[in-house]
């Protein structure tokens, strides 16, 4: 860089023409909070994203109004013609979200706030009781209201059903309850009615039931787990839009959730979370019963090696897929916690 003129007019022109080549780069915007697996600034917001399951903290140096997206862990899929796992509940105060907290102000003050990312439930293991998958665990923000600000919980997804021994037990098996309910399983030739698990998404959260197999049902099949945006599909009168498919998740616009999180879905402009796991269609199928957009795992199908349930996508809260015959259900996808505030 050449010497700067002491003449004020000349100095102005020196600075103007120099600015395109060696102007000083402004310092990065400092973070006003600390915590999370990833911290970044984007679109006028400071983001703190938690992806590691278990307990953590977010520390604020002052007062802020936060926005959040919280997905519980997805439920595991059932064994031996099992049902798909239910998605974790989804909770947010982003504008446009269909829960009761949408657009509300969540103030926080200086201090340390607990954060928990819920784990996905394990898929069932064939010939190892119980044949049900495991429920996912809850993701939370400020559980117990340790500091100022409302605590928020997104319950984990319900288990996908399977026979009690994990093997070829006859019977009708209901899906488990959860943020979204798990899919049911039917393993008998007699006509029957078998229900998916109910949804209990917590205050402000969204979730849906698992698929039903109402009479007349399809024997030896598992229904889809529920998703944040729709019920799991069953068979007979409950079959739709695709028999045995997992319920669709919910999609956020990229202005709210950056495209590196969630999954694609039917609307390419959105990022989806909390899709239900697909169930198992019996007898032989040429394609899997799909998991719901938002990380739901596909159900298994014959022939091998496609018979195991697929896992839910990591950090979406998607449910795991149900398995075919002597194969394992898919694990549920771990949840996620995203906190942001204007920077």
C-alpha atoms as a PDB file:
ATOM      1  CA  UNK A   1       0.000   0.000   0.000  1.00  0.00           C
ATOM      2  CA  UNK A   2       1.400   3.435  -0.991  1.00  0.00           C
ATOM      3  CA  UNK A   3       1.739   6.381   1.366  1.00  0.00           C
ATOM      4  CA  UNK A   4      -1.488   8.187   2.115  1.00  0.00           C
ATOM      5  CA  UNK A   5      -1.586  11.901   1.112  1.00  0.00           C
ATOM      6  CA  UNK A   6      -1.920  14.495   3.809  1.00  0.00           C
ATOM      7  CA  UNK A   7      -4.159  16.568   1.497  1.00  0.00           C
ATOM      8  CA  UNK A   8      -7.797  15.874   2.547  1.00  0.00           C
ATOM      9  CA  UNK A   9      -9.170  15.977  -1.007  1.00  0.00           C
ATOM     10  CA  UNK A  10      -6.445  13.749  -2.374  1.00  0.00           C
ATOM     11  CA  UNK A  11      -6.864  11.384   0.584  1.00  0.00           C
ATOM     12  CA  UNK A  12     -10.553  10.912  -0.296  1.00  0.00           C
ATOM     13  CA  UNK A  13      -9.711   9.863  -3.860  1.00  0.00           C
ATOM     14  CA  UNK A  14      -6.875   7.641  -2.607  1.00  0.00           C
ATOM     15  CA  UNK A  15      -9.266   5.853  -0.262  1.00  0.00           C
ATOM     16  CA  UNK A  16     -12.016   5.542  -2.895  1.00  0.00           C
ATOM     17  CA  UNK A  17      -9.862   3.954  -5.556  1.00  0.00           C
ATOM     18  CA  UNK A  18      -7.963   1.801  -3.065  1.00  0.00           C
ATOM     19  CA  UNK A  19     -11.197   0.314  -1.650  1.00  0.00           C
ATOM     20  CA  UNK A  20     -11.614  -2.128  -4.540  1.00  0.00           C
ATOM     21  CA  UNK A  21      -8.172  -3.706  -4.078  1.00  0.00           C
ATOM     22  CA  UNK A  22      -6.880  -3.607  -0.529  1.00  0.00           C
ATOM     23  CA  UNK A  23      -9.719  -2.329   1.648  1.00  0.00           C
ATOM     24  CA  UNK A  24      -9.710  -3.639   5.183  1.00  0.00           C
ATOM     25  CA  UNK A  25     -12.060  -6.642   5.648  1.00  0.00           C
ATOM     26  CA  UNK A  26     -14.606  -5.933   8.363  1.00  0.00           C
ATOM     27  CA  UNK A  27     -14.292  -8.167  11.415  1.00  0.00           C
ATOM     28  CA  UNK A  28     -16.767 -11.064  11.718  1.00  0.00           C
ATOM     29  CA  UNK A  29     -19.931 -10.478  13.687  1.00  0.00           C
ATOM     30  CA  UNK A  30     -19.287 -11.643  17.256  1.00  0.00           C
ATOM     31  CA  UNK A  31     -21.537 -14.308  18.780  1.00  0.00           C
ATOM     32  CA  UNK A  32     -23.814 -13.109  21.562  1.00  0.00           C
ATOM     33  CA  UNK A  33     -24.448 -16.636  22.854  1.00  0.00           C
ATOM     34  CA  UNK A  34     -22.350 -19.782  23.102  1.00  0.00           C
ATOM     35  CA  UNK A  35     -23.390 -23.392  22.685  1.00  0.00           C
ATOM     36  CA  UNK A  36     -24.417 -25.958  20.120  1.00  0.00           C
ATOM     37  CA  UNK A  37     -22.611 -28.294  17.751  1.00  0.00           C
ATOM     38  CA  UNK A  38     -22.717 -25.593  15.071  1.00  0.00           C
ATOM     39  CA  UNK A  39     -22.810 -21.802  15.454  1.00  0.00           C
ATOM     40  CA  UNK A  40     -23.182 -19.480  12.455  1.00  0.00           C
ATOM     41  CA  UNK A  41     -24.722 -16.271  11.140  1.00  0.00           C
ATOM     42  CA  UNK A  42     -27.103 -16.357   8.184  1.00  0.00           C
ATOM     43  CA  UNK A  43     -29.890 -14.139   6.854  1.00  0.00           C
ATOM     44  CA  UNK A  44     -29.622 -11.644   9.694  1.00  0.00           C
ATOM     45  CA  UNK A  45     -29.790 -14.308  12.422  1.00  0.00           C
ATOM     46  CA  UNK A  46     -27.390 -15.983  14.813  1.00  0.00           C
ATOM     47  CA  UNK A  47     -27.973 -19.761  14.833  1.00  0.00           C
ATOM     48  CA  UNK A  48     -27.074 -22.379  17.433  1.00  0.00           C
ATOM     49  CA  UNK A  49     -27.775 -25.939  16.253  1.00  0.00           C
ATOM     50  CA  UNK A  50     -27.683 -29.015  18.511  1.00  0.00           C
ATOM     51  CA  UNK A  51     -27.260 -32.380  16.779  1.00  0.00           C
ATOM     52  CA  UNK A  52     -25.574 -34.581  19.411  1.00  0.00           C
ATOM     53  CA  UNK A  53     -28.048 -36.606  21.459  1.00  0.00           C
ATOM     54  CA  UNK A  54     -28.138 -35.918  25.174  1.00  0.00           C
ATOM     55  CA  UNK A  55     -27.902 -32.888  27.434  1.00  0.00           C
ATOM     56  CA  UNK A  56     -26.122 -29.624  26.671  1.00  0.00           C
ATOM     57  CA  UNK A  57     -26.495 -25.897  27.361  1.00  0.00           C
ATOM     58  CA  UNK A  58     -26.866 -22.539  25.639  1.00  0.00           C
ATOM     59  CA  UNK A  59     -25.371 -19.526  27.440  1.00  0.00           C
ATOM     60  CA  UNK A  60     -26.677 -16.011  26.755  1.00  0.00           C
ATOM     61  CA  UNK A  61     -24.716 -12.901  27.615  1.00  0.00           C
ATOM     62  CA  UNK A  62     -27.785 -10.669  27.550  1.00  0.00           C
ATOM     63  CA  UNK A  63     -31.475 -10.514  26.747  1.00  0.00           C
ATOM     64  CA  UNK A  64     -32.758 -11.896  23.423  1.00  0.00           C
ATOM     65  CA  UNK A  65     -35.994 -12.966  21.759  1.00  0.00           C
ATOM     66  CA  UNK A  66     -35.420 -16.436  20.373  1.00  0.00           C
ATOM     67  CA  UNK A  67     -37.042 -18.564  17.693  1.00  0.00           C
ATOM     68  CA  UNK A  68     -36.662 -22.327  17.720  1.00  0.00           C
ATOM     69  CA  UNK A  69     -37.264 -25.614  15.914  1.00  0.00           C
ATOM     70  CA  UNK A  70     -37.304 -28.699  18.169  1.00  0.00           C
ATOM     71  CA  UNK A  71     -37.784 -32.276  16.916  1.00  0.00           C
ATOM     72  CA  UNK A  72     -38.061 -35.271  19.248  1.00  0.00           C
ATOM     73  CA  UNK A  73     -36.351 -38.563  18.424  1.00  0.00           C
ATOM     74  CA  UNK A  74     -38.205 -40.905  16.070  1.00  0.00           C
ATOM     75  CA  UNK A  75     -39.579 -44.289  17.138  1.00  0.00           C
ATOM     76  CA  UNK A  76     -38.038 -47.584  16.013  1.00  0.00           C
ATOM     77  CA  UNK A  77     -39.727 -49.864  13.488  1.00  0.00           C
ATOM     78  CA  UNK A  78     -41.304 -53.220  14.357  1.00  0.00           C
ATOM     79  CA  UNK A  79     -39.964 -56.666  13.502  1.00  0.00           C
ATOM     80  CA  UNK A  80     -41.503 -59.489  11.478  1.00  0.00           C
ATOM     81  CA  UNK A  81     -43.979 -57.718   9.180  1.00  0.00           C
ATOM     82  CA  UNK A  82     -43.887 -54.764  11.525  1.00  0.00           C
ATOM     83  CA  UNK A  83     -45.274 -51.265  11.638  1.00  0.00           C
ATOM     84  CA  UNK A  84     -43.232 -48.143  11.017  1.00  0.00           C
ATOM     85  CA  UNK A  85     -42.015 -46.038  13.918  1.00  0.00           C
ATOM     86  CA  UNK A  86     -43.785 -42.777  14.635  1.00  0.00           C
ATOM     87  CA  UNK A  87     -41.940 -39.520  14.129  1.00  0.00           C
ATOM     88  CA  UNK A  88     -40.915 -37.404  17.063  1.00  0.00           C
ATOM     89  CA  UNK A  89     -43.165 -34.431  17.805  1.00  0.00           C
ATOM     90  CA  UNK A  90     -42.197 -31.138  16.174  1.00  0.00           C
ATOM     91  CA  UNK A  91     -42.397 -27.838  18.037  1.00  0.00           C
ATOM     92  CA  UNK A  92     -41.610 -24.299  16.889  1.00  0.00           C
ATOM     93  CA  UNK A  93     -42.577 -20.674  17.334  1.00  0.00           C
ATOM     94  CA  UNK A  94     -41.634 -19.758  13.752  1.00  0.00           C
ATOM     95  CA  UNK A  95     -44.292 -17.716  11.927  1.00  0.00           C
ATOM     96  CA  UNK A  96     -46.604 -19.971   9.956  1.00  0.00           C
ATOM     97  CA  UNK A  97     -45.975 -23.086  12.037  1.00  0.00           C
ATOM     98  CA  UNK A  98     -49.299 -24.871  12.762  1.00  0.00           C
ATOM     99  CA  UNK A  99     -48.658 -25.265  16.514  1.00  0.00           C
ATOM    100  CA  UNK A 100     -50.047 -22.952  19.176  1.00  0.00           C
ATOM    101  CA  UNK A 101     -46.713 -21.180  19.799  1.00  0.00           C
ATOM    102  CA  UNK A 102     -46.413 -19.941  16.204  1.00  0.00           C
ATOM    103  CA  UNK A 103     -45.321 -16.318  15.982  1.00  0.00           C
ATOM    104  CA  UNK A 104     -45.104 -15.873  19.753  1.00  0.00           C
ATOM    105  CA  UNK A 105     -42.228 -14.028  21.417  1.00  0.00           C
ATOM    106  CA  UNK A 106     -39.909 -16.129  23.581  1.00  0.00           C
ATOM    107  CA  UNK A 107     -37.690 -13.807  25.638  1.00  0.00           C
ATOM    108  CA  UNK A 108     -34.584 -15.042  27.417  1.00  0.00           C
ATOM    109  CA  UNK A 109     -32.223 -13.198  29.730  1.00  0.00           C
ATOM    110  CA  UNK A 110     -28.564 -13.551  30.590  1.00  0.00           C
ATOM    111  CA  UNK A 111     -27.830 -17.044  31.892  1.00  0.00           C
ATOM    112  CA  UNK A 112     -27.438 -20.737  31.091  1.00  0.00           C
ATOM    113  CA  UNK A 113     -30.275 -22.714  29.531  1.00  0.00           C
ATOM    114  CA  UNK A 114     -30.456 -26.522  29.339  1.00  0.00           C
ATOM    115  CA  UNK A 115     -30.924 -28.193  25.948  1.00  0.00           C
ATOM    116  CA  UNK A 116     -31.590 -31.883  25.266  1.00  0.00           C
ATOM    117  CA  UNK A 117     -31.559 -33.613  21.869  1.00  0.00           C
ATOM    118  CA  UNK A 118     -33.709 -36.747  21.934  1.00  0.00           C
ATOM    119  CA  UNK A 119     -32.321 -40.079  20.721  1.00  0.00           C
ATOM    120  CA  UNK A 120     -34.089 -42.216  18.156  1.00  0.00           C
ATOM    121  CA  UNK A 121     -35.646 -45.435  19.399  1.00  0.00           C
ATOM    122  CA  UNK A 122     -34.004 -48.723  18.460  1.00  0.00           C
ATOM    123  CA  UNK A 123     -35.615 -50.854  15.792  1.00  0.00           C
ATOM    124  CA  UNK A 124     -36.818 -54.251  16.984  1.00  0.00           C
ATOM    125  CA  UNK A 125     -34.505 -57.247  16.615  1.00  0.00           C
ATOM    126  CA  UNK A 126     -36.043 -60.323  15.033  1.00  0.00           C
ATOM    127  CA  UNK A 127     -36.612 -63.327  17.336  1.00  0.00           C
ATOM    128  CA  UNK A 128     -35.705 -61.168  20.323  1.00  0.00           C
ATOM    129  CA  UNK A 129     -38.636 -60.005  22.492  1.00  0.00           C
ATOM    130  CA  UNK A 130     -40.327 -57.653  22.316  1.00  0.00           C
ATOM    131  CA  UNK A 131     -41.157 -57.454  18.620  1.00  0.00           C
ATOM    132  CA  UNK A 132     -42.041 -53.783  19.022  1.00  0.00           C
ATOM    133  CA  UNK A 133     -39.469 -51.150  18.278  1.00  0.00           C
ATOM    134  CA  UNK A 134     -38.494 -48.709  21.028  1.00  0.00           C
ATOM    135  CA  UNK A 135     -40.008 -45.264  21.485  1.00  0.00           C
ATOM    136  CA  UNK A 136     -37.874 -42.228  20.724  1.00  0.00           C
ATOM    137  CA  UNK A 137     -36.932 -39.822  23.505  1.00  0.00           C
ATOM    138  CA  UNK A 138     -37.946 -36.188  23.927  1.00  0.00           C
ATOM    139  CA  UNK A 139     -35.996 -33.137  22.851  1.00  0.00           C
ATOM    140  CA  UNK A 140     -36.314 -30.138  25.158  1.00  0.00           C
ATOM    141  CA  UNK A 141     -35.486 -26.470  25.503  1.00  0.00           C
ATOM    142  CA  UNK A 142     -35.057 -25.135  29.052  1.00  0.00           C
ATOM    143  CA  UNK A 143     -36.676 -28.177  30.648  1.00  0.00           C
ATOM    144  CA  UNK A 144     -38.011 -27.283  34.058  1.00  0.00           C
ATOM    145  CA  UNK A 145     -37.776 -23.553  33.384  1.00  0.00           C
ATOM    146  CA  UNK A 146     -34.313 -23.247  34.938  1.00  0.00           C
ATOM    147  CA  UNK A 147     -33.993 -19.636  33.765  1.00  0.00           C
ATOM    148  CA  UNK A 148     -36.499 -17.115  32.452  1.00  0.00           C
ATOM    149  CA  UNK A 149     -38.353 -18.281  29.384  1.00  0.00           C
ATOM    150  CA  UNK A 150     -40.927 -20.985  28.809  1.00  0.00           C
ATOM    151  CA  UNK A 151     -39.795 -24.637  28.767  1.00  0.00           C
ATOM    152  CA  UNK A 152     -40.612 -26.456  25.516  1.00  0.00           C
ATOM    153  CA  UNK A 153     -40.761 -30.212  24.936  1.00  0.00           C
ATOM    154  CA  UNK A 154     -41.046 -32.290  21.747  1.00  0.00           C
ATOM    155  CA  UNK A 155     -41.902 -35.873  22.812  1.00  0.00           C
ATOM    156  CA  UNK A 156     -40.300 -38.837  21.055  1.00  0.00           C
ATOM    157  CA  UNK A 157     -42.132 -40.940  18.489  1.00  0.00           C
ATOM    158  CA  UNK A 158     -44.101 -44.087  19.283  1.00  0.00           C
ATOM    159  CA  UNK A 159     -42.778 -47.560  18.524  1.00  0.00           C
ATOM    160  CA  UNK A 160     -43.719 -49.513  15.440  1.00  0.00           C
ATOM    161  CA  UNK A 161     -45.550 -52.702  16.429  1.00  0.00           C
ATOM    162  CA  UNK A 162     -44.410 -56.283  15.919  1.00  0.00           C
ATOM    163  CA  UNK A 163     -45.175 -59.764  17.323  1.00  0.00           C
ATOM    164  CA  UNK A 164     -44.218 -60.195  21.017  1.00  0.00           C
ATOM    165  CA  UNK A 165     -41.425 -62.708  20.407  1.00  0.00           C
ATOM    166  CA  UNK A 166     -40.092 -60.846  17.409  1.00  0.00           C
ATOM    167  CA  UNK A 167     -40.933 -63.972  15.410  1.00  0.00           C
ATOM    168  CA  UNK A 168     -43.937 -65.472  13.686  1.00  0.00           C
ATOM    169  CA  UNK A 169     -46.534 -64.939  16.433  1.00  0.00           C
ATOM    170  CA  UNK A 170     -50.142 -64.744  15.322  1.00  0.00           C
ATOM    171  CA  UNK A 171     -52.134 -61.738  16.414  1.00  0.00           C
ATOM    172  CA  UNK A 172     -52.980 -58.069  15.933  1.00  0.00           C
ATOM    173  CA  UNK A 173     -50.615 -55.536  17.473  1.00  0.00           C
ATOM    174  CA  UNK A 174     -51.283 -51.849  18.039  1.00  0.00           C
ATOM    175  CA  UNK A 175     -48.646 -49.196  17.428  1.00  0.00           C
ATOM    176  CA  UNK A 176     -47.151 -47.300  20.333  1.00  0.00           C
ATOM    177  CA  UNK A 177     -48.143 -43.806  21.503  1.00  0.00           C
ATOM    178  CA  UNK A 178     -45.761 -40.896  21.108  1.00  0.00           C
ATOM    179  CA  UNK A 179     -45.185 -37.470  19.596  1.00  0.00           C
ATOM    180  CA  UNK A 180     -46.549 -39.184  16.513  1.00  0.00           C
ATOM    181  CA  UNK A 181     -47.950 -42.695  16.936  1.00  0.00           C
ATOM    182  CA  UNK A 182     -46.270 -45.833  15.654  1.00  0.00           C
ATOM    183  CA  UNK A 183     -47.744 -48.106  12.990  1.00  0.00           C
ATOM    184  CA  UNK A 184     -49.706 -51.256  13.791  1.00  0.00           C
ATOM    185  CA  UNK A 185     -48.916 -54.838  12.758  1.00  0.00           C
ATOM    186  CA  UNK A 186     -51.151 -57.724  11.766  1.00  0.00           C
ATOM    187  CA  UNK A 187     -49.881 -61.294  11.667  1.00  0.00           C
ATOM    188  CA  UNK A 188     -52.963 -63.446  11.260  1.00  0.00           C
ATOM    189  CA  UNK A 189     -55.127 -64.561   8.376  1.00  0.00           C
ATOM    190  CA  UNK A 190     -58.390 -63.684  10.072  1.00  0.00           C
ATOM    191  CA  UNK A 191     -60.046 -60.380   9.263  1.00  0.00           C
ATOM    192  CA  UNK A 192     -59.616 -57.845  12.041  1.00  0.00           C
ATOM    193  CA  UNK A 193     -59.171 -54.234  13.032  1.00  0.00           C
ATOM    194  CA  UNK A 194     -55.814 -53.060  14.386  1.00  0.00           C
ATOM    195  CA  UNK A 195     -55.003 -49.463  15.339  1.00  0.00           C
ATOM    196  CA  UNK A 196     -51.923 -47.312  15.006  1.00  0.00           C
ATOM    197  CA  UNK A 197     -50.614 -45.519  18.071  1.00  0.00           C
ATOM    198  CA  UNK A 198     -52.141 -42.182  19.125  1.00  0.00           C
ATOM    199  CA  UNK A 199     -50.252 -38.889  18.991  1.00  0.00           C
ATOM    200  CA  UNK A 200     -49.378 -36.792  22.030  1.00  0.00           C
ATOM    201  CA  UNK A 201     -47.237 -33.948  20.739  1.00  0.00           C
ATOM    202  CA  UNK A 202     -47.030 -31.788  23.874  1.00  0.00           C
ATOM    203  CA  UNK A 203     -47.995 -28.141  24.306  1.00  0.00           C
ATOM    204  CA  UNK A 204     -47.441 -26.262  21.068  1.00  0.00           C
ATOM    205  CA  UNK A 205     -46.238 -29.330  19.170  1.00  0.00           C
ATOM    206  CA  UNK A 206     -47.633 -31.221  16.194  1.00  0.00           C
ATOM    207  CA  UNK A 207     -47.872 -34.950  15.455  1.00  0.00           C
ATOM    208  CA  UNK A 208     -50.322 -37.534  14.087  1.00  0.00           C
ATOM    209  CA  UNK A 209     -51.462 -41.098  14.728  1.00  0.00           C
ATOM    210  CA  UNK A 210     -50.049 -44.203  13.146  1.00  0.00           C
ATOM    211  CA  UNK A 211     -51.895 -46.028  10.386  1.00  0.00           C
ATOM    212  CA  UNK A 212     -54.870 -48.295  11.107  1.00  0.00           C
ATOM    213  CA  UNK A 213     -55.747 -51.669   9.622  1.00  0.00           C
ATOM    214  CA  UNK A 214     -59.540 -51.461   9.839  1.00  0.00           C
ATOM    215  CA  UNK A 215     -61.704 -54.312   8.636  1.00  0.00           C
ATOM    216  CA  UNK A 216     -61.372 -55.442   5.905  1.00  0.00           C
ATOM    217  CA  UNK A 217     -57.601 -55.125   6.359  1.00  0.00           C
ATOM    218  CA  UNK A 218     -54.579 -56.623   4.607  1.00  0.00           C
ATOM    219  CA  UNK A 219     -53.283 -59.642   6.524  1.00  0.00           C
ATOM    220  CA  UNK A 220     -49.638 -59.918   7.623  1.00  0.00           C
ATOM    221  CA  UNK A 221     -48.847 -56.242   7.000  1.00  0.00           C
ATOM    222  CA  UNK A 222     -47.613 -53.296   9.041  1.00  0.00           C
ATOM    223  CA  UNK A 223     -48.965 -49.761   8.739  1.00  0.00           C
ATOM    224  CA  UNK A 224     -46.974 -46.549   8.559  1.00  0.00           C
ATOM    225  CA  UNK A 225     -45.984 -44.432  11.542  1.00  0.00           C
ATOM    226  CA  UNK A 226     -47.494 -40.994  11.922  1.00  0.00           C
ATOM    227  CA  UNK A 227     -45.626 -37.841  10.908  1.00  0.00           C
ATOM    228  CA  UNK A 228     -45.694 -34.219  12.006  1.00  0.00           C
ATOM    229  CA  UNK A 229     -47.724 -33.261   8.929  1.00  0.00           C
ATOM    230  CA  UNK A 230     -49.989 -36.272   8.400  1.00  0.00           C
ATOM    231  CA  UNK A 231     -51.205 -39.639   9.664  1.00  0.00           C
ATOM    232  CA  UNK A 232     -49.497 -42.891   8.806  1.00  0.00           C
ATOM    233  CA  UNK A 233     -51.216 -44.914   6.090  1.00  0.00           C
ATOM    234  CA  UNK A 234     -52.786 -48.267   6.822  1.00  0.00           C
ATOM    235  CA  UNK A 235     -54.791 -50.612   4.646  1.00  0.00           C
ATOM    236  CA  UNK A 236     -58.403 -51.022   3.617  1.00  0.00           C
ATOM    237  CA  UNK A 237     -60.326 -47.787   4.318  1.00  0.00           C
ATOM    238  CA  UNK A 238     -57.222 -46.211   5.886  1.00  0.00           C
ATOM    239  CA  UNK A 239     -54.999 -46.769   2.834  1.00  0.00           C
ATOM    240  CA  UNK A 240     -53.893 -43.455   1.438  1.00  0.00           C
ATOM    241  CA  UNK A 241     -52.108 -41.831  -0.201  1.00  0.00           C
ATOM    242  CA  UNK A 242     -49.928 -45.002  -0.382  1.00  0.00           C
ATOM    243  CA  UNK A 243     -50.928 -48.066   1.650  1.00  0.00           C
ATOM    244  CA  UNK A 244     -48.504 -48.623   4.530  1.00  0.00           C
ATOM    245  CA  UNK A 245     -46.549 -45.390   3.945  1.00  0.00           C
ATOM    246  CA  UNK A 246     -45.254 -43.207   6.763  1.00  0.00           C
ATOM    247  CA  UNK A 247     -46.977 -39.914   7.471  1.00  0.00           C
ATOM    248  CA  UNK A 248     -45.454 -36.817   5.912  1.00  0.00           C
ATOM    249  CA  UNK A 249     -43.422 -34.454   8.075  1.00  0.00           C
ATOM    250  CA  UNK A 250     -43.653 -30.661   8.206  1.00  0.00           C
ATOM    251  CA  UNK A 251     -41.568 -28.332   6.027  1.00  0.00           C
ATOM    252  CA  UNK A 252     -40.015 -24.985   6.972  1.00  0.00           C
ATOM    253  CA  UNK A 253     -39.014 -22.358   4.388  1.00  0.00           C
ATOM    254  CA  UNK A 254     -35.281 -21.846   3.864  1.00  0.00           C
ATOM    255  CA  UNK A 255     -35.606 -18.359   5.354  1.00  0.00           C
ATOM    256  CA  UNK A 256     -36.287 -20.099   8.676  1.00  0.00           C
ATOM    257  CA  UNK A 257     -34.209 -23.295   8.436  1.00  0.00           C
ATOM    258  CA  UNK A 258     -31.038 -23.373   6.299  1.00  0.00           C
ATOM    259  CA  UNK A 259     -31.005 -26.081   3.593  1.00  0.00           C
ATOM    260  CA  UNK A 260     -28.265 -28.078   5.329  1.00  0.00           C
ATOM    261  CA  UNK A 261     -30.874 -29.297   7.861  1.00  0.00           C
ATOM    262  CA  UNK A 262     -33.973 -31.426   7.392  1.00  0.00           C
ATOM    263  CA  UNK A 263     -34.692 -33.258   4.140  1.00  0.00           C
ATOM    264  CA  UNK A 264     -36.237 -32.414   0.773  1.00  0.00           C
ATOM    265  CA  UNK A 265     -39.930 -33.053   0.279  1.00  0.00           C
ATOM    266  CA  UNK A 266     -42.773 -32.478  -2.138  1.00  0.00           C
ATOM    267  CA  UNK A 267     -42.277 -28.689  -1.987  1.00  0.00           C
ATOM    268  CA  UNK A 268     -38.707 -28.067  -3.128  1.00  0.00           C
ATOM    269  CA  UNK A 269     -38.570 -24.732  -1.296  1.00  0.00           C
ATOM    270  CA  UNK A 270     -39.057 -26.363   2.121  1.00  0.00           C
ATOM    271  CA  UNK A 271     -36.952 -28.447   4.522  1.00  0.00           C
ATOM    272  CA  UNK A 272     -38.900 -31.251   6.186  1.00  0.00           C
ATOM    273  CA  UNK A 273     -38.645 -32.809   9.647  1.00  0.00           C
ATOM    274  CA  UNK A 274     -40.406 -35.636  11.514  1.00  0.00           C
ATOM    275  CA  UNK A 275     -41.654 -38.007   8.832  1.00  0.00           C
ATOM    276  CA  UNK A 276     -43.132 -41.358   9.909  1.00  0.00           C
ATOM    277  CA  UNK A 277     -41.530 -44.716   9.126  1.00  0.00           C
ATOM    278  CA  UNK A 278     -43.016 -46.932   6.424  1.00  0.00           C
ATOM    279  CA  UNK A 279     -44.708 -50.240   7.311  1.00  0.00           C
ATOM    280  CA  UNK A 280     -44.271 -53.678   5.785  1.00  0.00           C
ATOM    281  CA  UNK A 281     -46.554 -54.794   2.954  1.00  0.00           C
ATOM    282  CA  UNK A 282     -47.176 -58.543   2.700  1.00  0.00           C
ATOM    283  CA  UNK A 283     -46.955 -60.623   0.568  1.00  0.00           C
ATOM    284  CA  UNK A 284     -44.048 -59.873  -1.736  1.00  0.00           C
ATOM    285  CA  UNK A 285     -43.785 -56.294  -2.955  1.00  0.00           C
ATOM    286  CA  UNK A 286     -41.670 -54.770  -5.702  1.00  0.00           C
ATOM    287  CA  UNK A 287     -41.064 -51.511  -3.833  1.00  0.00           C
ATOM    288  CA  UNK A 288     -40.861 -50.449  -0.206  1.00  0.00           C
ATOM    289  CA  UNK A 289     -43.645 -48.691   1.627  1.00  0.00           C
ATOM    290  CA  UNK A 290     -42.010 -45.251   1.745  1.00  0.00           C
ATOM    291  CA  UNK A 291     -41.196 -43.309   4.874  1.00  0.00           C
ATOM    292  CA  UNK A 292     -42.696 -39.839   5.110  1.00  0.00           C
ATOM    293  CA  UNK A 293     -40.785 -36.798   3.843  1.00  0.00           C
ATOM    294  CA  UNK A 294     -38.834 -35.467   6.797  1.00  0.00           C
ATOM    295  CA  UNK A 295     -36.570 -38.427   7.449  1.00  0.00           C
ATOM    296  CA  UNK A 296     -38.954 -41.383   7.771  1.00  0.00           C
ATOM    297  CA  UNK A 297     -37.260 -44.711   6.970  1.00  0.00           C
ATOM    298  CA  UNK A 298     -38.741 -47.004   4.321  1.00  0.00           C
ATOM    299  CA  UNK A 299     -40.355 -50.300   5.285  1.00  0.00           C
ATOM    300  CA  UNK A 300     -38.578 -53.493   4.313  1.00  0.00           C
ATOM    301  CA  UNK A 301     -39.785 -55.713   1.476  1.00  0.00           C
ATOM    302  CA  UNK A 302     -39.070 -59.061  -0.119  1.00  0.00           C
ATOM    303  CA  UNK A 303     -36.800 -60.227  -1.737  1.00  0.00           C
ATOM    304  CA  UNK A 304     -33.583 -59.962   0.264  1.00  0.00           C
ATOM    305  CA  UNK A 305     -31.514 -57.847   0.895  1.00  0.00           C
ATOM    306  CA  UNK A 306     -34.307 -55.282   1.102  1.00  0.00           C
ATOM    307  CA  UNK A 307     -36.202 -56.844   3.992  1.00  0.00           C
ATOM    308  CA  UNK A 308     -34.866 -54.878   6.957  1.00  0.00           C
ATOM    309  CA  UNK A 309     -36.528 -51.599   7.881  1.00  0.00           C
ATOM    310  CA  UNK A 310     -34.537 -48.500   6.923  1.00  0.00           C
ATOM    311  CA  UNK A 311     -33.467 -46.112   9.692  1.00  0.00           C
ATOM    312  CA  UNK A 312     -34.888 -42.656  10.115  1.00  0.00           C
ATOM    313  CA  UNK A 313     -32.589 -39.874   8.922  1.00  0.00           C
ATOM    314  CA  UNK A 314     -30.263 -38.476  11.564  1.00  0.00           C
ATOM    315  CA  UNK A 315     -31.356 -35.196  13.177  1.00  0.00           C
ATOM    316  CA  UNK A 316     -34.807 -35.156  11.588  1.00  0.00           C
ATOM    317  CA  UNK A 317     -36.824 -37.069  14.198  1.00  0.00           C
ATOM    318  CA  UNK A 318     -37.967 -39.480  11.463  1.00  0.00           C
ATOM    319  CA  UNK A 319     -39.371 -42.902  12.399  1.00  0.00           C
ATOM    320  CA  UNK A 320     -37.702 -46.193  11.442  1.00  0.00           C
ATOM    321  CA  UNK A 321     -39.222 -48.583   8.900  1.00  0.00           C
ATOM    322  CA  UNK A 322     -40.928 -51.873   9.726  1.00  0.00           C
ATOM    323  CA  UNK A 323     -39.173 -55.132   8.805  1.00  0.00           C
ATOM    324  CA  UNK A 324     -40.085 -58.149   6.686  1.00  0.00           C
ATOM    325  CA  UNK A 325     -40.024 -61.634   8.279  1.00  0.00           C
ATOM    326  CA  UNK A 326     -36.691 -62.517   9.930  1.00  0.00           C
ATOM    327  CA  UNK A 327     -35.164 -59.032   9.745  1.00  0.00           C
ATOM    328  CA  UNK A 328     -34.744 -56.047  12.034  1.00  0.00           C
ATOM    329  CA  UNK A 329     -36.799 -52.885  12.217  1.00  0.00           C
ATOM    330  CA  UNK A 330     -35.119 -49.585  11.382  1.00  0.00           C
ATOM    331  CA  UNK A 331     -33.847 -47.295  14.136  1.00  0.00           C
ATOM    332  CA  UNK A 332     -35.577 -43.969  14.619  1.00  0.00           C
ATOM    333  CA  UNK A 333     -33.686 -40.831  13.639  1.00  0.00           C
ATOM    334  CA  UNK A 334     -32.317 -38.630  16.443  1.00  0.00           C
ATOM    335  CA  UNK A 335     -33.964 -35.263  16.908  1.00  0.00           C
ATOM    336  CA  UNK A 336     -32.529 -31.756  16.659  1.00  0.00           C
ATOM    337  CA  UNK A 337     -32.733 -28.387  18.419  1.00  0.00           C
ATOM    338  CA  UNK A 338     -32.250 -25.168  16.431  1.00  0.00           C
ATOM    339  CA  UNK A 339     -32.209 -21.828  18.266  1.00  0.00           C
ATOM    340  CA  UNK A 340     -31.875 -18.482  16.478  1.00  0.00           C
ATOM    341  CA  UNK A 341     -32.236 -14.773  17.181  1.00  0.00           C
ATOM    342  CA  UNK A 342     -31.720 -11.572  15.209  1.00  0.00           C
ATOM    343  CA  UNK A 343     -28.044 -10.657  14.896  1.00  0.00           C
END
